[in-house]
Amino acid sequence: MMLNGDCMAKTTAARLAAKSLNITAHGTLGLLIRAVRQQLRTPSEVVALLAAIPQQTTLHIRPSLLHDVIARVKAEWASEL
């Protein structure tokens, strides 16, 4: 559990440092959505990456939030999937 707390503290510290430097910070989900919008990744690639998060990463995201983000990507880029 200490690792989770340490990770949260580092994330919070990074966001505060970015804010103090007038840098906009984005989380993992936001970066993946931006990658599709900027055509750096296909919607299919991003859906696959999002779906892999619980099994292949240590990133802690509520399952319901992850489900909602995947559903939004699928809805927004349905014609490209």
N, C-alpha and C. Protein backbone atom coordinates (compact mmCIF):
# COMPACT_ATOMS: atom_id res chain seq x y z
N MET A 1 0.80 -1.20 0.00
CA MET A 1 0.00 0.00 0.00
C MET A 1 0.84 1.27 0.00
N MET A 2 2.01 1.20 0.55
CA MET A 2 2.87 2.37 0.58
C MET A 2 3.23 2.81 -0.84
N LEU A 3 3.41 1.83 -1.72
CA LEU A 3 3.73 2.16 -3.11
C LEU A 3 2.62 2.99 -3.73
N ASN A 4 1.37 2.63 -3.48
CA ASN A 4 0.25 3.40 -4.01
C ASN A 4 0.27 4.83 -3.49
N GLY A 5 0.50 5.00 -2.22
CA GLY A 5 0.56 6.33 -1.64
C GLY A 5 1.72 7.13 -2.20
N ASP A 6 2.85 6.47 -2.37
CA ASP A 6 4.02 7.13 -2.94
C ASP A 6 3.74 7.56 -4.38
N CYS A 7 3.08 6.70 -5.11
CA CYS A 7 2.74 7.01 -6.50
C CYS A 7 1.79 8.21 -6.55
N MET A 8 0.80 8.22 -5.71
CA MET A 8 -0.15 9.33 -5.68
C MET A 8 0.56 10.63 -5.31
N ALA A 9 1.48 10.55 -4.37
CA ALA A 9 2.21 11.75 -3.95
C ALA A 9 3.04 12.28 -5.11
N LYS A 10 3.68 11.39 -5.87
CA LYS A 10 4.49 11.81 -7.00
C LYS A 10 3.62 12.43 -8.08
N THR A 11 2.45 11.84 -8.33
CA THR A 11 1.54 12.38 -9.33
C THR A 11 1.07 13.77 -8.91
N THR A 12 0.70 13.92 -7.66
CA THR A 12 0.26 15.22 -7.15
C THR A 12 1.38 16.24 -7.23
N ALA A 13 2.58 15.83 -6.85
CA ALA A 13 3.73 16.74 -6.91
C ALA A 13 4.02 17.16 -8.35
N ALA A 14 3.92 16.23 -9.27
CA ALA A 14 4.16 16.56 -10.68
C ALA A 14 3.12 17.54 -11.20
N ARG A 15 1.87 17.33 -10.84
CA ARG A 15 0.80 18.25 -11.27
C ARG A 15 1.00 19.65 -10.68
N LEU A 16 1.38 19.71 -9.42
CA LEU A 16 1.62 21.01 -8.78
C LEU A 16 2.82 21.72 -9.41
N ALA A 17 3.87 20.96 -9.71
CA ALA A 17 5.04 21.55 -10.35
C ALA A 17 4.69 22.08 -11.74
N ALA A 18 3.92 21.31 -12.48
CA ALA A 18 3.50 21.75 -13.82
C ALA A 18 2.67 23.02 -13.72
N LYS A 19 1.75 23.05 -12.77
CA LYS A 19 0.89 24.22 -12.59
C LYS A 19 1.73 25.46 -12.26
N SER A 20 2.72 25.29 -11.40
CA SER A 20 3.55 26.43 -11.01
C SER A 20 4.38 26.96 -12.18
N LEU A 21 4.60 26.12 -13.18
CA LEU A 21 5.35 26.52 -14.37
C LEU A 21 4.44 26.88 -15.54
N ASN A 22 3.14 26.98 -15.26
CA ASN A 22 2.15 27.27 -16.30
C ASN A 22 2.13 26.23 -17.41
N ILE A 23 2.34 24.98 -17.04
CA ILE A 23 2.29 23.87 -17.99
C ILE A 23 1.02 23.09 -17.70
N THR A 24 0.25 22.83 -18.76
CA THR A 24 -0.97 22.06 -18.59
C THR A 24 -0.61 20.58 -18.45
N ALA A 25 -1.08 19.97 -17.39
CA ALA A 25 -0.81 18.55 -17.15
C ALA A 25 -1.99 17.71 -17.62
N HIS A 26 -1.70 16.56 -18.20
CA HIS A 26 -2.73 15.63 -18.65
C HIS A 26 -2.40 14.25 -18.10
N GLY A 27 -3.43 13.54 -17.72
CA GLY A 27 -3.24 12.18 -17.23
C GLY A 27 -3.19 11.18 -18.38
N THR A 28 -3.02 9.93 -18.02
CA THR A 28 -2.91 8.86 -19.01
C THR A 28 -4.11 8.81 -19.94
N LEU A 29 -5.30 8.85 -19.38
CA LEU A 29 -6.50 8.77 -20.21
C LEU A 29 -6.58 9.97 -21.15
N GLY A 30 -6.27 11.13 -20.65
CA GLY A 30 -6.29 12.33 -21.48
C GLY A 30 -5.28 12.28 -22.61
N LEU A 31 -4.10 11.74 -22.32
CA LEU A 31 -3.08 11.63 -23.36
C LEU A 31 -3.50 10.66 -24.46
N LEU A 32 -4.15 9.59 -24.07
CA LEU A 32 -4.61 8.63 -25.09
C LEU A 32 -5.71 9.23 -25.96
N ILE A 33 -6.62 9.98 -25.35
CA ILE A 33 -7.68 10.64 -26.13
C ILE A 33 -7.05 11.67 -27.08
N ARG A 34 -6.09 12.43 -26.58
CA ARG A 34 -5.41 13.42 -27.43
C ARG A 34 -4.69 12.75 -28.59
N ALA A 35 -4.14 11.59 -28.35
CA ALA A 35 -3.44 10.87 -29.41
C ALA A 35 -4.37 10.54 -30.58
N VAL A 36 -5.61 10.19 -30.26
CA VAL A 36 -6.59 9.93 -31.33
C VAL A 36 -6.97 11.23 -32.01
N ARG A 37 -7.25 12.24 -31.24
CA ARG A 37 -7.67 13.52 -31.81
C ARG A 37 -6.60 14.13 -32.72
N GLN A 38 -5.35 13.92 -32.35
CA GLN A 38 -4.24 14.47 -33.16
C GLN A 38 -3.74 13.46 -34.19
N GLN A 39 -4.47 12.38 -34.34
CA GLN A 39 -4.16 11.33 -35.31
C GLN A 39 -2.77 10.73 -35.14
N LEU A 40 -2.34 10.63 -33.89
CA LEU A 40 -1.07 9.98 -33.57
C LEU A 40 -1.27 8.49 -33.34
N ARG A 41 -2.48 8.11 -32.97
CA ARG A 41 -2.89 6.72 -32.78
C ARG A 41 -4.28 6.57 -33.36
N THR A 42 -4.59 5.36 -33.83
CA THR A 42 -5.94 5.11 -34.35
C THR A 42 -6.88 4.85 -33.17
N PRO A 43 -8.16 5.05 -33.39
CA PRO A 43 -9.12 4.73 -32.32
C PRO A 43 -9.00 3.27 -31.86
N SER A 44 -8.77 2.36 -32.80
CA SER A 44 -8.62 0.94 -32.44
C SER A 44 -7.42 0.72 -31.53
N GLU A 45 -6.32 1.39 -31.84
CA GLU A 45 -5.13 1.26 -30.99
C GLU A 45 -5.39 1.78 -29.58
N VAL A 46 -6.07 2.91 -29.50
CA VAL A 46 -6.34 3.50 -28.19
C VAL A 46 -7.31 2.63 -27.39
N VAL A 47 -8.34 2.09 -28.04
CA VAL A 47 -9.27 1.20 -27.34
C VAL A 47 -8.50 -0.01 -26.80
N ALA A 48 -7.61 -0.56 -27.61
CA ALA A 48 -6.82 -1.71 -27.16
C ALA A 48 -5.92 -1.34 -25.98
N LEU A 49 -5.28 -0.18 -26.05
CA LEU A 49 -4.43 0.28 -24.94
C LEU A 49 -5.25 0.49 -23.67
N LEU A 50 -6.41 1.12 -23.81
CA LEU A 50 -7.27 1.35 -22.65
C LEU A 50 -7.72 0.03 -22.04
N ALA A 51 -8.11 -0.91 -22.89
CA ALA A 51 -8.59 -2.21 -22.40
C ALA A 51 -7.48 -2.98 -21.69
N ALA A 52 -6.23 -2.74 -22.07
CA ALA A 52 -5.10 -3.46 -21.48
C ALA A 52 -4.65 -2.88 -20.14
N ILE A 53 -5.10 -1.69 -19.80
CA ILE A 53 -4.62 -1.03 -18.58
C ILE A 53 -4.76 -1.90 -17.33
N PRO A 54 -5.92 -2.50 -17.06
CA PRO A 54 -6.02 -3.27 -15.81
C PRO A 54 -5.09 -4.48 -15.73
N GLN A 55 -4.83 -5.12 -16.86
CA GLN A 55 -4.01 -6.34 -16.85
C GLN A 55 -2.52 -6.06 -17.02
N GLN A 56 -2.17 -4.99 -17.69
CA GLN A 56 -0.77 -4.81 -18.07
C GLN A 56 -0.08 -3.60 -17.44
N THR A 57 -0.76 -2.88 -16.57
CA THR A 57 -0.14 -1.72 -15.93
C THR A 57 -0.44 -1.72 -14.44
N THR A 58 0.21 -0.82 -13.73
CA THR A 58 -0.08 -0.63 -12.32
C THR A 58 -0.92 0.62 -12.10
N LEU A 59 -1.42 1.18 -13.19
CA LEU A 59 -2.25 2.38 -13.11
C LEU A 59 -3.58 2.02 -12.46
N HIS A 60 -3.97 2.79 -11.47
CA HIS A 60 -5.22 2.53 -10.75
C HIS A 60 -6.32 3.44 -11.29
N ILE A 61 -7.26 2.85 -11.99
CA ILE A 61 -8.39 3.58 -12.55
C ILE A 61 -9.65 2.80 -12.19
N ARG A 62 -10.66 3.53 -11.74
CA ARG A 62 -11.94 2.86 -11.46
C ARG A 62 -12.42 2.14 -12.71
N PRO A 63 -12.83 0.90 -12.59
CA PRO A 63 -13.33 0.17 -13.76
C PRO A 63 -14.46 0.89 -14.48
N SER A 64 -15.34 1.54 -13.73
CA SER A 64 -16.46 2.25 -14.36
C SER A 64 -15.98 3.44 -15.19
N LEU A 65 -14.95 4.14 -14.72
CA LEU A 65 -14.39 5.26 -15.48
C LEU A 65 -13.74 4.75 -16.77
N LEU A 66 -12.97 3.69 -16.65
CA LEU A 66 -12.31 3.10 -17.81
C LEU A 66 -13.36 2.64 -18.84
N HIS A 67 -14.40 2.00 -18.36
CA HIS A 67 -15.49 1.56 -19.24
C HIS A 67 -16.12 2.75 -19.96
N ASP A 68 -16.37 3.83 -19.23
CA ASP A 68 -16.96 5.03 -19.83
C ASP A 68 -16.06 5.66 -20.89
N VAL A 69 -14.77 5.71 -20.63
CA VAL A 69 -13.83 6.29 -21.58
C VAL A 69 -13.77 5.44 -22.85
N ILE A 70 -13.71 4.13 -22.69
CA ILE A 70 -13.70 3.24 -23.85
C ILE A 70 -14.98 3.43 -24.66
N ALA A 71 -16.11 3.52 -23.97
CA ALA A 71 -17.39 3.70 -24.67
C ALA A 71 -17.42 5.03 -25.43
N ARG A 72 -16.86 6.08 -24.84
CA ARG A 72 -16.83 7.39 -25.51
C ARG A 72 -15.94 7.37 -26.74
N VAL A 73 -14.80 6.71 -26.65
CA VAL A 73 -13.91 6.60 -27.82
C VAL A 73 -14.63 5.84 -28.93
N LYS A 74 -15.27 4.74 -28.57
CA LYS A 74 -15.99 3.95 -29.56
C LYS A 74 -17.12 4.76 -30.19
N ALA A 75 -17.83 5.54 -29.39
CA ALA A 75 -18.95 6.34 -29.93
C ALA A 75 -18.45 7.47 -30.80
N GLU A 76 -17.42 8.17 -30.34
CA GLU A 76 -16.92 9.34 -31.08
C GLU A 76 -16.26 8.97 -32.40
N TRP A 77 -15.59 7.82 -32.41
CA TRP A 77 -14.88 7.40 -33.64
C TRP A 77 -15.45 6.09 -34.19
N ALA A 78 -16.75 5.90 -34.06
CA ALA A 78 -17.39 4.66 -34.49
C ALA A 78 -17.10 4.34 -35.95
N SER A 79 -17.08 5.34 -36.79
CA SER A 79 -16.86 5.11 -38.23
C SER A 79 -15.44 4.66 -38.54
N GLU A 80 -14.52 4.84 -37.59
CA GLU A 80 -13.12 4.49 -37.83
C GLU A 80 -12.71 3.19 -37.17
N LEU A 81 -13.62 2.59 -36.42
CA LEU A 81 -13.28 1.33 -35.73
C LEU A 81 -13.58 0.14 -36.60
